[in-house]
Amino acid sequence: MSARSGGKGRSRLQARGSFERGEPQGLLEFDEGPAIAESPRGPELGALPPIPKKRRSKGGQLNMLDYPGESLTVGMPAPEFSLPSTLGRRVSLSEFRGKRVILYFYPKDDTPGCTMEACGFRDSFPRIESKDAIVLGVSLDDELSHERFAQKYNLPFPLLSDKDAAVSRQYGTYKEKSLYGRSFWGIERTTFVIDRDGKVEHVFRRVKVEGHAEEVMATLAL
């Protein structure tokens, strides 16, 4: 975990086992969310992303216009974006038109589940490239955090910084979560495969990281 995770996050992780010892992934997933809500943020990191306001219709149903990404599914155009990246420049979805894009949203840099997921895509990257596809990872972390994470694990694909969660909301991955009776907002682990014309080809929501890269690779073989 990063230094921002705080003492509570570290003690929970130590009590539950470590990624390196191969403990069950399900136990580790929970430590990635509340660390964001509990940890202090220095002024250099800015404020946390705004929490969306839920509005309900007279029938009590959520107004989906407030959550445009909630209904994003196969066959729909993938929302365009432009975000800072580890390439040292802003990256836009449109620049990859003509290629298939594996766009994955993850909770936090250098945490056990996110590391396993990133390394899975790293290890599969030569095969992904052979299918004329690319990988883009997105989280709320800033560019410096991304750079450290990418260098530490030799990630060959760009990581994009969505600090205000604007793109995550467009894709319906910025969600209210709960753990140990506490509520917090963060990214729900989700992967989109976008086709050469910029339309959503496959959606994997609530991703379990073990074997996920192979799961995505299977869609590229179609």
Protein backbone atom coordinates (compact mmCIF):
# COMPACT_ATOMS: atom_id res chain seq x y z
CA MET A 1 0.00 0.00 0.00
CA SER A 2 1.02 3.58 -0.45
CA ALA A 3 1.98 5.86 2.41
CA ARG A 4 -1.43 7.49 2.18
CA SER A 5 -3.20 4.30 3.25
CA GLY A 6 -2.62 5.14 6.92
CA GLY A 7 -1.80 2.98 9.92
CA LYS A 8 -5.21 1.33 10.11
CA GLY A 9 -4.97 0.06 6.54
CA ARG A 10 -1.50 -1.38 7.19
CA SER A 11 -2.48 -3.14 10.40
CA ARG A 12 -5.52 -4.72 8.77
CA LEU A 13 -3.43 -5.90 5.87
CA GLN A 14 -0.82 -7.41 8.17
CA ALA A 15 -3.51 -9.18 10.18
CA ARG A 16 -5.11 -10.63 7.08
CA GLY A 17 -1.98 -11.82 5.33
CA SER A 18 0.08 -10.44 2.47
CA PHE A 19 -0.10 -10.57 -1.28
CA GLU A 20 3.37 -12.10 -1.47
CA ARG A 21 2.39 -15.04 0.78
CA GLY A 22 -0.45 -15.91 -1.55
CA GLU A 23 -3.29 -15.45 0.95
CA PRO A 24 -6.83 -15.66 -0.49
CA GLN A 25 -7.49 -12.61 -2.62
CA GLY A 26 -10.98 -12.10 -1.23
CA LEU A 27 -9.55 -11.11 2.13
CA LEU A 28 -7.28 -8.50 0.62
CA GLU A 29 -9.80 -6.80 -1.64
CA PHE A 30 -11.51 -5.09 1.30
CA ASP A 31 -8.40 -3.19 2.40
CA GLU A 32 -8.29 -1.08 -0.76
CA GLY A 33 -11.42 1.01 -0.30
CA PRO A 34 -11.67 2.43 3.20
CA ALA A 35 -8.02 3.47 3.20
CA ILE A 36 -9.01 6.24 0.79
CA ALA A 37 -11.79 7.43 3.06
CA GLU A 38 -9.75 7.20 6.27
CA SER A 39 -6.39 8.53 5.17
CA PRO A 40 -5.51 12.23 5.41
CA ARG A 41 -4.76 14.12 2.22
CA GLY A 42 -2.16 16.85 2.19
CA PRO A 43 -2.89 20.14 0.41
CA GLU A 44 -0.70 19.07 -2.50
CA LEU A 45 -3.15 16.27 -3.31
CA GLY A 46 -6.22 18.46 -3.37
CA ALA A 47 -9.69 17.55 -2.17
CA LEU A 48 -11.29 14.14 -2.52
CA PRO A 49 -13.53 13.74 -5.59
CA PRO A 50 -17.03 15.10 -5.04
CA ILE A 51 -19.70 12.69 -3.85
CA PRO A 52 -22.58 12.47 -6.35
CA LYS A 53 -25.99 13.46 -5.07
CA LYS A 54 -28.67 10.81 -5.42
CA ARG A 55 -31.99 12.12 -6.66
CA ARG A 56 -35.03 9.90 -6.84
CA SER A 57 -38.17 10.21 -8.90
CA LYS A 58 -41.63 10.19 -7.34
CA GLY A 59 -41.68 6.41 -7.69
CA GLY A 60 -38.52 6.14 -5.63
CA GLN A 61 -36.31 5.08 -8.53
CA LEU A 62 -32.85 6.56 -9.05
CA ASN A 63 -32.72 9.19 -11.77
CA MET A 64 -30.26 7.58 -14.20
CA LEU A 65 -29.41 10.98 -15.68
CA ASP A 66 -27.41 11.58 -12.48
CA TYR A 67 -25.39 8.42 -13.16
CA PRO A 68 -24.83 8.34 -16.93
CA GLY A 69 -22.37 5.45 -16.72
CA GLU A 70 -24.65 3.13 -14.77
CA SER A 71 -26.41 2.03 -17.94
CA LEU A 72 -23.28 1.84 -20.14
CA THR A 73 -23.34 -1.57 -21.79
CA VAL A 74 -22.37 -3.59 -24.86
CA GLY A 75 -23.01 -1.85 -28.18
CA MET A 76 -23.03 1.68 -26.77
CA PRO A 77 -20.39 4.29 -27.71
CA ALA A 78 -17.65 4.45 -25.08
CA PRO A 79 -17.52 7.94 -23.51
CA GLU A 80 -14.62 10.02 -24.82
CA PHE A 81 -12.03 11.29 -22.33
CA SER A 82 -8.67 13.01 -22.05
CA LEU A 83 -6.62 12.34 -18.91
CA PRO A 84 -3.03 12.88 -17.66
CA SER A 85 -0.96 9.73 -17.99
CA THR A 86 2.38 8.07 -17.28
CA LEU A 87 3.31 8.83 -20.90
CA GLY A 88 3.96 12.41 -19.79
CA ARG A 89 0.99 13.75 -21.74
CA ARG A 90 -2.78 13.58 -21.80
CA VAL A 91 -4.24 10.46 -23.35
CA SER A 92 -7.55 10.44 -25.22
CA LEU A 93 -9.65 7.42 -26.11
CA SER A 94 -10.11 8.67 -29.67
CA GLU A 95 -6.38 8.40 -30.43
CA PHE A 96 -6.69 4.62 -30.32
CA ARG A 97 -9.50 4.40 -32.87
CA GLY A 98 -8.82 1.43 -35.11
CA LYS A 99 -7.47 -0.63 -32.18
CA ARG A 100 -9.26 -2.54 -29.47
CA VAL A 101 -8.86 -0.93 -26.05
CA ILE A 102 -8.82 -2.74 -22.72
CA LEU A 103 -9.86 0.05 -20.35
CA TYR A 104 -9.74 -1.05 -16.73
CA PHE A 105 -10.70 0.94 -13.65
CA TYR A 106 -9.08 -0.02 -10.34
CA PRO A 107 -9.28 1.35 -6.77
CA LYS A 108 -5.73 2.29 -5.79
CA ASP A 109 -2.08 2.04 -6.84
CA ASP A 110 0.25 -0.49 -5.21
CA THR A 111 -2.38 -2.35 -3.20
CA PRO A 112 -2.51 -6.16 -3.33
CA GLY A 113 -5.50 -6.68 -5.62
CA CYS A 114 -4.59 -3.80 -7.92
CA THR A 115 -1.00 -5.02 -8.15
CA MET A 116 -2.13 -8.53 -9.06
CA GLU A 117 -4.46 -7.15 -11.72
CA ALA A 118 -1.84 -4.83 -13.22
CA CYS A 119 0.80 -7.56 -13.30
CA GLY A 120 -1.67 -9.89 -14.97
CA PHE A 121 -2.14 -7.40 -17.80
CA ARG A 122 1.63 -6.82 -17.87
CA ASP A 123 2.36 -10.52 -18.29
CA SER A 124 -0.29 -10.83 -21.02
CA PHE A 125 0.76 -7.64 -22.78
CA PRO A 126 2.75 -9.25 -25.66
CA ARG A 127 -0.29 -11.38 -26.53
CA ILE A 128 -2.59 -8.37 -26.18
CA GLU A 129 -0.43 -6.40 -28.60
CA SER A 130 -0.46 -9.32 -31.03
CA LYS A 131 -4.25 -8.91 -31.16
CA ASP A 132 -3.79 -5.25 -32.13
CA ALA A 133 -5.10 -4.13 -28.75
CA ILE A 134 -3.83 -1.81 -26.02
CA VAL A 135 -4.34 -1.50 -22.25
CA LEU A 136 -5.22 1.63 -20.28
CA GLY A 137 -5.50 1.62 -16.48
CA VAL A 138 -7.52 4.30 -14.66
CA SER A 139 -7.73 5.20 -10.96
CA LEU A 140 -8.18 8.30 -8.79
CA ASP A 141 -4.44 8.40 -7.95
CA ASP A 142 -2.31 11.31 -9.15
CA GLU A 143 0.40 11.13 -11.80
CA LEU A 144 3.26 10.76 -9.31
CA SER A 145 1.62 7.77 -7.66
CA HIS A 146 1.02 6.23 -11.09
CA GLU A 147 4.64 6.75 -12.11
CA ARG A 148 5.92 5.05 -8.97
CA PHE A 149 3.50 2.14 -9.39
CA ALA A 150 4.36 1.66 -13.08
CA GLN A 151 8.11 1.79 -12.43
CA LYS A 152 7.96 -0.57 -9.45
CA TYR A 153 6.23 -3.30 -11.47
CA ASN A 154 7.53 -2.49 -14.97
CA LEU A 155 4.09 -1.87 -16.37
CA PRO A 156 4.31 -1.48 -20.16
CA PHE A 157 0.98 0.33 -20.59
CA PRO A 158 -0.20 3.83 -19.56
CA LEU A 159 -1.91 4.58 -16.27
CA LEU A 160 -4.37 7.47 -16.35
CA SER A 161 -5.18 9.85 -13.50
CA ASP A 162 -8.88 10.57 -12.92
CA LYS A 163 -8.46 12.63 -9.74
CA ASP A 164 -11.92 14.23 -9.81
CA ALA A 165 -13.64 10.93 -10.77
CA ALA A 166 -15.27 12.62 -13.78
CA VAL A 167 -14.41 9.80 -16.20
CA SER A 168 -15.13 7.11 -13.61
CA ARG A 169 -18.63 8.53 -13.21
CA GLN A 170 -19.10 8.52 -17.00
CA TYR A 171 -18.30 4.81 -17.03
CA GLY A 172 -20.38 4.03 -13.94
CA THR A 173 -17.44 2.84 -11.85
CA TYR A 174 -17.46 5.51 -9.09
CA LYS A 175 -19.68 3.90 -6.47
CA GLU A 176 -20.75 4.17 -2.88
CA LYS A 177 -19.32 1.23 -0.95
CA SER A 178 -19.58 -0.01 2.61
CA LEU A 179 -17.22 -1.90 4.87
CA TYR A 180 -17.34 -2.61 8.60
CA GLY A 181 -20.46 -0.44 8.79
CA ARG A 182 -18.81 2.57 7.15
CA SER A 183 -19.73 4.08 3.79
CA PHE A 184 -17.26 5.61 1.36
CA TRP A 185 -16.97 6.45 -2.32
CA GLY A 186 -14.43 4.89 -4.64
CA ILE A 187 -13.86 2.97 -7.84
CA GLU A 188 -15.54 -0.39 -8.28
CA ARG A 189 -13.12 -2.64 -10.16
CA THR A 190 -14.42 -2.77 -13.75
CA THR A 191 -13.00 -3.54 -17.19
CA PHE A 192 -14.33 -2.47 -20.58
CA VAL A 193 -13.21 -3.89 -23.92
CA ILE A 194 -13.81 -1.22 -26.56
CA ASP A 195 -13.88 -2.17 -30.22
CA ARG A 196 -12.07 -0.53 -33.15
CA ASP A 197 -15.01 1.79 -33.78
CA GLY A 198 -15.12 3.09 -30.21
CA LYS A 199 -18.09 1.03 -29.03
CA VAL A 200 -18.28 -1.10 -25.90
CA GLU A 201 -17.64 -4.72 -26.86
CA HIS A 202 -17.49 -6.39 -23.42
CA VAL A 203 -18.07 -5.25 -19.82
CA PHE A 204 -16.66 -6.94 -16.70
CA ARG A 205 -18.08 -5.41 -13.53
CA ARG A 206 -17.08 -6.25 -9.95
CA VAL A 207 -13.95 -7.90 -11.30
CA LYS A 208 -12.17 -10.62 -9.34
CA VAL A 209 -8.51 -10.12 -10.17
CA GLU A 210 -7.31 -13.71 -10.13
CA GLY A 211 -7.40 -14.93 -13.75
CA HIS A 212 -8.95 -11.69 -15.00
CA ALA A 213 -6.28 -11.02 -17.65
CA GLU A 214 -6.94 -14.46 -19.16
CA GLU A 215 -10.66 -13.76 -19.02
CA VAL A 216 -10.15 -10.58 -21.03
CA MET A 217 -7.75 -12.30 -23.43
CA ALA A 218 -10.48 -14.80 -24.26
CA THR A 219 -12.67 -11.96 -25.57
CA LEU A 220 -9.88 -10.79 -27.87
CA ALA A 221 -9.81 -14.20 -29.51
CA LEU A 222 -13.40 -13.80 -30.73
